[in-house]
Amino acid sequence: MNFLRPDWCGLTWVPFVPFAAAGGFRGFPVAPGLYKIRVADQPRLAYIGQTGRDLRERVGSLRLHALGEQFPFADPHTAAQGLWSYRHADGLEFECSVTPMATDQPTRLAAECHLIWSYRREAGCSPLCSFARLHHHYRRSGPSKSRRRGGVLDVKERPPCAVCSEAALQLVGGPTDPNWMGLEWSSVTPLIPRFAAGAPAAPGVYRIVDMAAGQVIYFGESCDLRDRLGTHCASHKKLPVVFSWCALPALVEKWQRVEVENDLVAGFFEVTRGAPRLQFGAPL
């Protein structure tokens, strides 16, 4: 599997270190970058993440929460709940590898999307704990300030099987094309209330394009495209922007739409080596 290679996606990854190895992360770089967490002795990934501060500290803290005695809270590591749940439900153990990436945060976040998309295409599924997933026998915790800790679901509350991933999108066309990433996009229209009201009140994804630059500046998802695009109208009054959408009525769960959104950003990164300008909170 390519995702286990030390040069995966053209990056330089350090060798995997087991979570069980106390102090094993001390050799990781003290730098911003990306990390991947593997299920020990198995050819699959459990999580892909990034940090803009300190890889050694970030994955070390994640390790402590994932190996803790109690089910973790939702913060400071969203992935800790998933790792903890699979460790306790299925006896999985984990290993971590990192790669430094000295770049701005939007580019690094887009690179994270690209890694997840690359894995999705290779493995046919998302990493086990990406997109805030956890084992289907568990319920999530709230943030630490809520003191609401998750745990094992009652047998009658458990879904019959684990959640499957949406199929990875394939790179087709360019970011503003009507067939971008193999989806059927609506025609572009100005982002103003009367046109936003014409979008379906259905789940799907959308893109916002800066007409002056001729480039996508944002990809999004929503359970109600009409409502979500309506809220965007006030935010982009100063820009000559247009939008288009792709209704995906079968994707009723947020994690399904987020997988598609991830692939759209990843495809943009594949083409441009950057992030859409407003994707990760950049100012207008």
C-alpha atoms as a PDB file:
ATOM      1  CA  MET A   1       0.000   0.000   0.000  1.00  0.00           C
ATOM      2  CA  ASN A   2       1.439   3.370  -1.038  1.00  0.00           C
ATOM      3  CA  PHE A   3       0.170   5.151   2.089  1.00  0.00           C
ATOM      4  CA  LEU A   4       2.607   3.131   4.204  1.00  0.00           C
ATOM      5  CA  ARG A   5       5.618   4.178   2.121  1.00  0.00           C
ATOM      6  CA  PRO A   6       8.111   6.667   3.626  1.00  0.00           C
ATOM      7  CA  ASP A   7       7.734   8.865   0.517  1.00  0.00           C
ATOM      8  CA  TRP A   8       3.937   8.772   0.290  1.00  0.00           C
ATOM      9  CA  CYS A   9       2.537  11.668  -1.753  1.00  0.00           C
ATOM     10  CA  GLY A  10       6.037  13.015  -2.344  1.00  0.00           C
ATOM     11  CA  LEU A  11       6.621  13.794   1.360  1.00  0.00           C
ATOM     12  CA  THR A  12       9.340  12.526   3.690  1.00  0.00           C
ATOM     13  CA  TRP A  13       7.784  10.514   6.529  1.00  0.00           C
ATOM     14  CA  VAL A  14       9.660   9.336   9.608  1.00  0.00           C
ATOM     15  CA  PRO A  15       9.335   5.604  10.468  1.00  0.00           C
ATOM     16  CA  PHE A  16       6.177   4.542  12.328  1.00  0.00           C
ATOM     17  CA  VAL A  17       6.485   4.552  16.119  1.00  0.00           C
ATOM     18  CA  PRO A  18       4.061   2.480  18.262  1.00  0.00           C
ATOM     19  CA  PHE A  19       1.790   4.320  20.689  1.00  0.00           C
ATOM     20  CA  ALA A  20       2.840   1.722  23.258  1.00  0.00           C
ATOM     21  CA  ALA A  21       6.491   2.844  23.098  1.00  0.00           C
ATOM     22  CA  ALA A  22       6.810   5.245  26.026  1.00  0.00           C
ATOM     23  CA  GLY A  23       8.896   8.212  24.901  1.00  0.00           C
ATOM     24  CA  GLY A  24       8.979   6.907  21.346  1.00  0.00           C
ATOM     25  CA  PHE A  25       7.789  10.208  19.924  1.00  0.00           C
ATOM     26  CA  ARG A  26      10.794  12.108  21.299  1.00  0.00           C
ATOM     27  CA  GLY A  27      12.528  11.772  17.954  1.00  0.00           C
ATOM     28  CA  PHE A  28       9.702  13.490  16.086  1.00  0.00           C
ATOM     29  CA  PRO A  29      10.465  17.001  14.807  1.00  0.00           C
ATOM     30  CA  VAL A  30       9.454  20.064  16.811  1.00  0.00           C
ATOM     31  CA  ALA A  31       7.841  21.733  13.811  1.00  0.00           C
ATOM     32  CA  PRO A  32       4.496  22.187  12.037  1.00  0.00           C
ATOM     33  CA  GLY A  33       3.464  19.352   9.767  1.00  0.00           C
ATOM     34  CA  LEU A  34       1.248  16.392   8.999  1.00  0.00           C
ATOM     35  CA  TYR A  35       0.828  13.038  10.708  1.00  0.00           C
ATOM     36  CA  LYS A  36      -0.713   9.672   9.920  1.00  0.00           C
ATOM     37  CA  ILE A  37      -1.801   7.041  12.423  1.00  0.00           C
ATOM     38  CA  ARG A  38      -1.769   3.426  11.344  1.00  0.00           C
ATOM     39  CA  VAL A  39      -3.517   0.410  12.835  1.00  0.00           C
ATOM     40  CA  ALA A  40      -0.561  -1.647  14.099  1.00  0.00           C
ATOM     41  CA  ASP A  41       0.278  -4.694  11.978  1.00  0.00           C
ATOM     42  CA  GLN A  42      -2.485  -3.867   9.496  1.00  0.00           C
ATOM     43  CA  PRO A  43      -2.362  -2.078   6.116  1.00  0.00           C
ATOM     44  CA  ARG A  44      -4.872   0.617   7.044  1.00  0.00           C
ATOM     45  CA  LEU A  45      -4.841   4.075   8.529  1.00  0.00           C
ATOM     46  CA  ALA A  46      -6.866   5.207  11.506  1.00  0.00           C
ATOM     47  CA  TYR A  47      -6.360   8.963  11.177  1.00  0.00           C
ATOM     48  CA  ILE A  48      -4.605  11.722   9.235  1.00  0.00           C
ATOM     49  CA  GLY A  49      -4.047  15.090  10.897  1.00  0.00           C
ATOM     50  CA  GLN A  50      -2.039  18.293  10.887  1.00  0.00           C
ATOM     51  CA  THR A  51      -0.693  20.866  13.308  1.00  0.00           C
ATOM     52  CA  GLY A  52       0.689  24.361  12.896  1.00  0.00           C
ATOM     53  CA  ARG A  53       2.717  24.214  16.087  1.00  0.00           C
ATOM     54  CA  ASP A  54       4.697  21.193  17.221  1.00  0.00           C
ATOM     55  CA  LEU A  55       4.317  17.686  15.788  1.00  0.00           C
ATOM     56  CA  ARG A  56       6.027  16.069  18.760  1.00  0.00           C
ATOM     57  CA  GLU A  57       3.729  17.761  21.264  1.00  0.00           C
ATOM     58  CA  ARG A  58       0.594  17.275  19.174  1.00  0.00           C
ATOM     59  CA  VAL A  59       0.853  13.555  18.581  1.00  0.00           C
ATOM     60  CA  GLY A  60       2.247  12.990  22.069  1.00  0.00           C
ATOM     61  CA  SER A  61      -0.839  14.616  23.568  1.00  0.00           C
ATOM     62  CA  LEU A  62      -3.121  12.675  21.224  1.00  0.00           C
ATOM     63  CA  ARG A  63      -1.405   9.452  22.296  1.00  0.00           C
ATOM     64  CA  LEU A  64      -1.995  10.200  25.997  1.00  0.00           C
ATOM     65  CA  HIS A  65      -5.710  10.847  25.479  1.00  0.00           C
ATOM     66  CA  ALA A  66      -6.145   7.789  23.240  1.00  0.00           C
ATOM     67  CA  LEU A  67      -4.441   5.553  25.818  1.00  0.00           C
ATOM     68  CA  GLY A  68      -6.136   7.110  28.862  1.00  0.00           C
ATOM     69  CA  GLU A  69      -8.257   5.149  31.302  1.00  0.00           C
ATOM     70  CA  GLN A  70     -11.437   7.150  30.624  1.00  0.00           C
ATOM     71  CA  PHE A  71     -13.252   7.818  27.381  1.00  0.00           C
ATOM     72  CA  PRO A  72     -11.839  11.146  26.117  1.00  0.00           C
ATOM     73  CA  PHE A  73     -13.728  14.401  25.799  1.00  0.00           C
ATOM     74  CA  ALA A  74     -14.189  15.995  22.367  1.00  0.00           C
ATOM     75  CA  ASP A  75     -11.296  18.350  23.043  1.00  0.00           C
ATOM     76  CA  PRO A  76      -8.412  18.898  22.675  1.00  0.00           C
ATOM     77  CA  HIS A  77      -8.237  15.994  20.176  1.00  0.00           C
ATOM     78  CA  THR A  78     -11.315  15.039  18.161  1.00  0.00           C
ATOM     79  CA  ALA A  79      -9.580  11.851  16.980  1.00  0.00           C
ATOM     80  CA  ALA A  80      -8.807  10.630  20.508  1.00  0.00           C
ATOM     81  CA  GLN A  81     -12.380   9.391  20.990  1.00  0.00           C
ATOM     82  CA  GLY A  82     -12.247   7.310  17.844  1.00  0.00           C
ATOM     83  CA  LEU A  83      -8.847   5.788  18.617  1.00  0.00           C
ATOM     84  CA  TRP A  84      -9.893   5.040  22.200  1.00  0.00           C
ATOM     85  CA  SER A  85     -13.153   3.411  21.081  1.00  0.00           C
ATOM     86  CA  TYR A  86     -11.493   1.105  18.530  1.00  0.00           C
ATOM     87  CA  ARG A  87      -8.762   0.204  21.000  1.00  0.00           C
ATOM     88  CA  HIS A  88     -11.294  -0.886  23.589  1.00  0.00           C
ATOM     89  CA  ALA A  89     -13.927  -2.415  21.285  1.00  0.00           C
ATOM     90  CA  ASP A  90     -11.666  -4.249  18.839  1.00  0.00           C
ATOM     91  CA  GLY A  91      -8.333  -4.376  20.652  1.00  0.00           C
ATOM     92  CA  LEU A  92      -6.588  -2.247  18.021  1.00  0.00           C
ATOM     93  CA  GLU A  93      -3.215  -0.680  18.707  1.00  0.00           C
ATOM     94  CA  PHE A  94      -1.736   2.218  16.791  1.00  0.00           C
ATOM     95  CA  GLU A  95       1.480   3.601  15.330  1.00  0.00           C
ATOM     96  CA  CYS A  96       2.316   7.126  14.203  1.00  0.00           C
ATOM     97  CA  SER A  97       4.468   8.684  11.483  1.00  0.00           C
ATOM     98  CA  VAL A  98       4.953  12.398  10.806  1.00  0.00           C
ATOM     99  CA  THR A  99       6.339  14.729   8.163  1.00  0.00           C
ATOM    100  CA  PRO A 100       7.278  18.391   8.680  1.00  0.00           C
ATOM    101  CA  MET A 101       5.578  20.957   6.451  1.00  0.00           C
ATOM    102  CA  ALA A 102       6.688  24.566   6.768  1.00  0.00           C
ATOM    103  CA  THR A 103       3.889  26.436   5.005  1.00  0.00           C
ATOM    104  CA  ASP A 104       0.873  28.589   5.810  1.00  0.00           C
ATOM    105  CA  GLN A 105      -2.063  26.997   7.610  1.00  0.00           C
ATOM    106  CA  PRO A 106      -4.557  26.998   4.689  1.00  0.00           C
ATOM    107  CA  THR A 107      -2.062  25.186   2.453  1.00  0.00           C
ATOM    108  CA  ARG A 108      -1.294  22.644   5.180  1.00  0.00           C
ATOM    109  CA  LEU A 109      -5.013  22.034   5.802  1.00  0.00           C
ATOM    110  CA  ALA A 110      -5.552  21.526   2.066  1.00  0.00           C
ATOM    111  CA  ALA A 111      -2.597  19.128   2.043  1.00  0.00           C
ATOM    112  CA  GLU A 112      -4.288  17.192   4.863  1.00  0.00           C
ATOM    113  CA  CYS A 113      -7.425  16.919   2.691  1.00  0.00           C
ATOM    114  CA  HIS A 114      -5.230  15.732  -0.170  1.00  0.00           C
ATOM    115  CA  LEU A 115      -3.689  12.978   1.963  1.00  0.00           C
ATOM    116  CA  ILE A 116      -7.130  11.796   3.084  1.00  0.00           C
ATOM    117  CA  TRP A 117      -8.337  11.797  -0.531  1.00  0.00           C
ATOM    118  CA  SER A 118      -5.231   9.899  -1.641  1.00  0.00           C
ATOM    119  CA  TYR A 119      -5.876   7.281   1.046  1.00  0.00           C
ATOM    120  CA  ARG A 120      -9.571   7.076   0.145  1.00  0.00           C
ATOM    121  CA  ARG A 121      -8.700   6.325  -3.470  1.00  0.00           C
ATOM    122  CA  GLU A 122      -6.098   3.710  -2.530  1.00  0.00           C
ATOM    123  CA  ALA A 123      -7.955   1.948   0.267  1.00  0.00           C
ATOM    124  CA  GLY A 124     -11.557   2.428  -0.858  1.00  0.00           C
ATOM    125  CA  CYS A 125     -12.542   4.005   2.456  1.00  0.00           C
ATOM    126  CA  SER A 126     -11.674   6.871   4.781  1.00  0.00           C
ATOM    127  CA  PRO A 127      -9.307   6.463   7.740  1.00  0.00           C
ATOM    128  CA  LEU A 128     -11.211   4.824  10.602  1.00  0.00           C
ATOM    129  CA  CYS A 129     -11.425   7.903  12.811  1.00  0.00           C
ATOM    130  CA  SER A 130     -11.406  10.746  10.283  1.00  0.00           C
ATOM    131  CA  PHE A 131     -14.447  13.040  10.053  1.00  0.00           C
ATOM    132  CA  ALA A 132     -15.115  12.635  13.801  1.00  0.00           C
ATOM    133  CA  ARG A 133     -15.963   8.933  13.501  1.00  0.00           C
ATOM    134  CA  LEU A 134     -15.738   6.428  16.290  1.00  0.00           C
ATOM    135  CA  HIS A 135     -16.625   2.779  16.812  1.00  0.00           C
ATOM    136  CA  HIS A 136     -20.335   2.173  16.267  1.00  0.00           C
ATOM    137  CA  HIS A 137     -20.726   0.674  19.751  1.00  0.00           C
ATOM    138  CA  TYR A 138     -19.893   4.037  21.358  1.00  0.00           C
ATOM    139  CA  ARG A 139     -21.489   7.453  21.761  1.00  0.00           C
ATOM    140  CA  ARG A 140     -19.472  10.665  21.602  1.00  0.00           C
ATOM    141  CA  SER A 141     -18.397  12.886  24.486  1.00  0.00           C
ATOM    142  CA  GLY A 142     -19.081  16.594  24.634  1.00  0.00           C
ATOM    143  CA  PRO A 143     -16.380  19.229  25.145  1.00  0.00           C
ATOM    144  CA  SER A 144     -14.519  19.044  28.440  1.00  0.00           C
ATOM    145  CA  LYS A 145     -16.350  22.068  29.852  1.00  0.00           C
ATOM    146  CA  SER A 146     -19.648  20.175  29.485  1.00  0.00           C
ATOM    147  CA  ARG A 147     -18.302  17.298  31.592  1.00  0.00           C
ATOM    148  CA  ARG A 148     -20.480  15.029  29.409  1.00  0.00           C
ATOM    149  CA  ARG A 149     -18.397  11.966  28.810  1.00  0.00           C
ATOM    150  CA  GLY A 150     -19.326   9.402  26.147  1.00  0.00           C
ATOM    151  CA  GLY A 151     -19.089   5.662  26.415  1.00  0.00           C
ATOM    152  CA  VAL A 152     -20.566   2.339  25.406  1.00  0.00           C
ATOM    153  CA  LEU A 153     -24.037   2.375  23.879  1.00  0.00           C
ATOM    154  CA  ASP A 154     -26.750   0.073  25.157  1.00  0.00           C
ATOM    155  CA  VAL A 155     -27.154  -2.940  22.876  1.00  0.00           C
ATOM    156  CA  LYS A 156     -30.551  -1.692  21.655  1.00  0.00           C
ATOM    157  CA  GLU A 157     -29.005   1.681  20.692  1.00  0.00           C
ATOM    158  CA  ARG A 158     -26.235   0.248  18.560  1.00  0.00           C
ATOM    159  CA  PRO A 159     -26.503   0.435  14.760  1.00  0.00           C
ATOM    160  CA  PRO A 160     -26.262  -2.984  13.100  1.00  0.00           C
ATOM    161  CA  CYS A 161     -22.871  -2.328  11.505  1.00  0.00           C
ATOM    162  CA  ALA A 162     -20.078   0.194  11.151  1.00  0.00           C
ATOM    163  CA  VAL A 163     -20.590   3.199   8.890  1.00  0.00           C
ATOM    164  CA  CYS A 164     -19.250   2.787   5.349  1.00  0.00           C
ATOM    165  CA  SER A 165     -17.382   5.514   3.505  1.00  0.00           C
ATOM    166  CA  GLU A 166     -18.648   7.323   0.450  1.00  0.00           C
ATOM    167  CA  ALA A 167     -16.705   6.438  -2.684  1.00  0.00           C
ATOM    168  CA  ALA A 168     -13.798   8.774  -3.331  1.00  0.00           C
ATOM    169  CA  LEU A 169     -14.294  11.329  -6.088  1.00  0.00           C
ATOM    170  CA  GLN A 170     -12.047  11.165  -9.127  1.00  0.00           C
ATOM    171  CA  LEU A 171     -10.183  14.079 -10.665  1.00  0.00           C
ATOM    172  CA  VAL A 172     -12.243  15.253 -13.647  1.00  0.00           C
ATOM    173  CA  GLY A 173     -12.151  18.673 -15.327  1.00  0.00           C
ATOM    174  CA  GLY A 174     -11.114  21.922 -13.643  1.00  0.00           C
ATOM    175  CA  PRO A 175     -12.445  23.507 -10.417  1.00  0.00           C
ATOM    176  CA  THR A 176     -14.950  25.743 -12.248  1.00  0.00           C
ATOM    177  CA  ASP A 177     -16.054  23.170 -14.852  1.00  0.00           C
ATOM    178  CA  PRO A 178     -19.622  21.775 -14.873  1.00  0.00           C
ATOM    179  CA  ASN A 179     -18.237  18.234 -14.398  1.00  0.00           C
ATOM    180  CA  TRP A 180     -15.622  19.037 -11.751  1.00  0.00           C
ATOM    181  CA  MET A 181     -14.627  15.870  -9.856  1.00  0.00           C
ATOM    182  CA  GLY A 182     -17.234  13.846 -11.750  1.00  0.00           C
ATOM    183  CA  LEU A 183     -20.230  15.657 -10.233  1.00  0.00           C
ATOM    184  CA  GLU A 184     -23.115  17.330 -12.070  1.00  0.00           C
ATOM    185  CA  TRP A 185     -22.938  21.006 -11.099  1.00  0.00           C
ATOM    186  CA  SER A 186     -25.710  23.497 -11.729  1.00  0.00           C
ATOM    187  CA  SER A 187     -25.086  26.485 -13.992  1.00  0.00           C
ATOM    188  CA  VAL A 188     -23.366  29.392 -12.246  1.00  0.00           C
ATOM    189  CA  THR A 189     -25.463  32.306 -11.012  1.00  0.00           C
ATOM    190  CA  PRO A 190     -24.713  35.463  -8.977  1.00  0.00           C
ATOM    191  CA  LEU A 191     -24.691  34.918  -5.231  1.00  0.00           C
ATOM    192  CA  ILE A 192     -27.712  37.037  -4.405  1.00  0.00           C
ATOM    193  CA  PRO A 193     -30.864  36.066  -2.475  1.00  0.00           C
ATOM    194  CA  ARG A 194     -33.206  35.541  -5.437  1.00  0.00           C
ATOM    195  CA  PHE A 195     -30.811  33.074  -7.097  1.00  0.00           C
ATOM    196  CA  ALA A 196     -29.887  31.344  -3.827  1.00  0.00           C
ATOM    197  CA  ALA A 197     -33.614  30.774  -3.296  1.00  0.00           C
ATOM    198  CA  GLY A 198     -33.598  28.696  -6.485  1.00  0.00           C
ATOM    199  CA  ALA A 199     -31.266  26.085  -5.024  1.00  0.00           C
ATOM    200  CA  PRO A 200     -32.970  22.906  -3.745  1.00  0.00           C
ATOM    201  CA  ALA A 201     -33.770  22.494  -0.063  1.00  0.00           C
ATOM    202  CA  ALA A 202     -31.809  19.252  -0.155  1.00  0.00           C
ATOM    203  CA  PRO A 203     -28.409  17.867   0.908  1.00  0.00           C
ATOM    204  CA  GLY A 204     -25.468  18.562  -1.344  1.00  0.00           C
ATOM    205  CA  VAL A 205     -22.278  20.488  -1.965  1.00  0.00           C
ATOM    206  CA  TYR A 206     -21.640  23.894  -3.499  1.00  0.00           C
ATOM    207  CA  ARG A 207     -18.807  26.127  -4.688  1.00  0.00           C
ATOM    208  CA  ILE A 208     -18.334  29.886  -4.677  1.00  0.00           C
ATOM    209  CA  VAL A 209     -16.281  31.435  -7.483  1.00  0.00           C
ATOM    210  CA  ASP A 210     -14.565  34.840  -7.572  1.00  0.00           C
ATOM    211  CA  MET A 211     -15.443  36.071 -11.053  1.00  0.00           C
ATOM    212  CA  ALA A 212     -12.605  38.590 -11.219  1.00  0.00           C
ATOM    213  CA  ALA A 213     -10.005  35.913 -10.471  1.00  0.00           C
ATOM    214  CA  GLY A 214     -11.855  33.139 -12.292  1.00  0.00           C
ATOM    215  CA  GLN A 215     -11.183  30.791  -9.393  1.00  0.00           C
ATOM    216  CA  VAL A 216     -13.099  28.838  -6.767  1.00  0.00           C
ATOM    217  CA  ILE A 217     -12.685  30.502  -3.372  1.00  0.00           C
ATOM    218  CA  TYR A 218     -14.785  28.112  -1.283  1.00  0.00           C
ATOM    219  CA  PHE A 219     -16.303  24.622  -1.316  1.00  0.00           C
ATOM    220  CA  GLY A 220     -19.051  23.794   1.159  1.00  0.00           C
ATOM    221  CA  GLU A 221     -21.660  21.222   2.131  1.00  0.00           C
ATOM    222  CA  SER A 222     -25.077  21.442   3.693  1.00  0.00           C
ATOM    223  CA  CYS A 223     -28.144  19.392   4.540  1.00  0.00           C
ATOM    224  CA  ASP A 224     -30.158  22.248   2.974  1.00  0.00           C
ATOM    225  CA  LEU A 225     -28.447  23.954   0.034  1.00  0.00           C
ATOM    226  CA  ARG A 226     -31.053  26.705  -0.275  1.00  0.00           C
ATOM    227  CA  ASP A 227     -30.778  27.737   3.355  1.00  0.00           C
ATOM    228  CA  ARG A 228     -26.983  27.571   3.447  1.00  0.00           C
ATOM    229  CA  LEU A 229     -26.474  29.569   0.256  1.00  0.00           C
ATOM    230  CA  GLY A 230     -28.897  32.162   1.565  1.00  0.00           C
ATOM    231  CA  THR A 231     -26.663  32.730   4.572  1.00  0.00           C
ATOM    232  CA  HIS A 232     -23.674  33.237   2.264  1.00  0.00           C
ATOM    233  CA  CYS A 233     -25.334  36.088   0.365  1.00  0.00           C
ATOM    234  CA  ALA A 234     -24.645  38.665   3.087  1.00  0.00           C
ATOM    235  CA  SER A 235     -21.031  37.521   3.522  1.00  0.00           C
ATOM    236  CA  HIS A 236     -19.930  38.176  -0.039  1.00  0.00           C
ATOM    237  CA  LYS A 237     -21.577  41.502  -0.892  1.00  0.00           C
ATOM    238  CA  LYS A 238     -18.198  43.107  -1.625  1.00  0.00           C
ATOM    239  CA  LEU A 239     -17.062  40.456  -4.100  1.00  0.00           C
ATOM    240  CA  PRO A 240     -18.352  39.742  -7.622  1.00  0.00           C
ATOM    241  CA  VAL A 241     -18.971  36.079  -6.853  1.00  0.00           C
ATOM    242  CA  VAL A 242     -21.118  33.383  -8.423  1.00  0.00           C
ATOM    243  CA  PHE A 243     -22.092  29.972  -7.140  1.00  0.00           C
ATOM    244  CA  SER A 244     -23.177  26.564  -8.337  1.00  0.00           C
ATOM    245  CA  TRP A 245     -24.380  23.493  -6.494  1.00  0.00           C
ATOM    246  CA  CYS A 246     -24.680  19.754  -6.783  1.00  0.00           C
ATOM    247  CA  ALA A 247     -27.609  18.123  -5.015  1.00  0.00           C
ATOM    248  CA  LEU A 248     -26.768  14.798  -3.346  1.00  0.00           C
ATOM    249  CA  PRO A 249     -30.087  13.815  -1.732  1.00  0.00           C
ATOM    250  CA  ALA A 250     -28.859  10.421  -0.551  1.00  0.00           C
ATOM    251  CA  LEU A 251     -26.176  12.003   1.657  1.00  0.00           C
ATOM    252  CA  VAL A 252     -28.316  12.722   4.690  1.00  0.00           C
ATOM    253  CA  GLU A 253     -25.484  12.284   7.209  1.00  0.00           C
ATOM    254  CA  LYS A 254     -23.051  15.154   7.689  1.00  0.00           C
ATOM    255  CA  TRP A 255     -19.981  12.881   7.610  1.00  0.00           C
ATOM    256  CA  GLN A 256     -21.020  11.719   4.103  1.00  0.00           C
ATOM    257  CA  ARG A 257     -21.119  15.284   2.793  1.00  0.00           C
ATOM    258  CA  VAL A 258     -17.891  16.200   4.562  1.00  0.00           C
ATOM    259  CA  GLU A 259     -16.133  13.326   2.777  1.00  0.00           C
ATOM    260  CA  VAL A 260     -17.258  14.791  -0.564  1.00  0.00           C
ATOM    261  CA  GLU A 261     -16.264  18.311   0.517  1.00  0.00           C
ATOM    262  CA  ASN A 262     -12.848  16.974   1.554  1.00  0.00           C
ATOM    263  CA  ASP A 263     -12.333  15.453  -1.905  1.00  0.00           C
ATOM    264  CA  LEU A 264     -13.301  18.716  -3.626  1.00  0.00           C
ATOM    265  CA  VAL A 265     -10.694  20.650  -1.632  1.00  0.00           C
ATOM    266  CA  ALA A 266      -8.166  17.867  -2.247  1.00  0.00           C
ATOM    267  CA  GLY A 267      -8.781  17.983  -5.982  1.00  0.00           C
ATOM    268  CA  PHE A 268      -8.267  21.757  -5.916  1.00  0.00           C
ATOM    269  CA  PHE A 269      -4.961  21.205  -4.111  1.00  0.00           C
ATOM    270  CA  GLU A 270      -3.959  18.595  -6.685  1.00  0.00           C
ATOM    271  CA  VAL A 271      -4.443  21.153  -9.466  1.00  0.00           C
ATOM    272  CA  THR A 272      -3.202  24.341  -7.784  1.00  0.00           C
ATOM    273  CA  ARG A 273      -1.025  23.136  -4.855  1.00  0.00           C
ATOM    274  CA  GLY A 274      -2.950  25.509  -2.635  1.00  0.00           C
ATOM    275  CA  ALA A 275      -6.285  25.993  -0.869  1.00  0.00           C
ATOM    276  CA  PRO A 276      -9.363  27.893  -2.039  1.00  0.00           C
ATOM    277  CA  ARG A 277      -8.817  31.418  -0.740  1.00  0.00           C
ATOM    278  CA  LEU A 278     -11.671  31.465   1.794  1.00  0.00           C
ATOM    279  CA  GLN A 279     -11.771  27.747   2.606  1.00  0.00           C
ATOM    280  CA  PHE A 280     -10.127  27.890   5.989  1.00  0.00           C
ATOM    281  CA  GLY A 281     -11.205  31.215   7.398  1.00  0.00           C
ATOM    282  CA  ALA A 282      -9.010  33.564   5.371  1.00  0.00           C
ATOM    283  CA  PRO A 283     -10.249  37.185   5.309  1.00  0.00           C
ATOM    284  CA  LEU A 284     -12.043  38.665   2.303  1.00  0.00           C
END
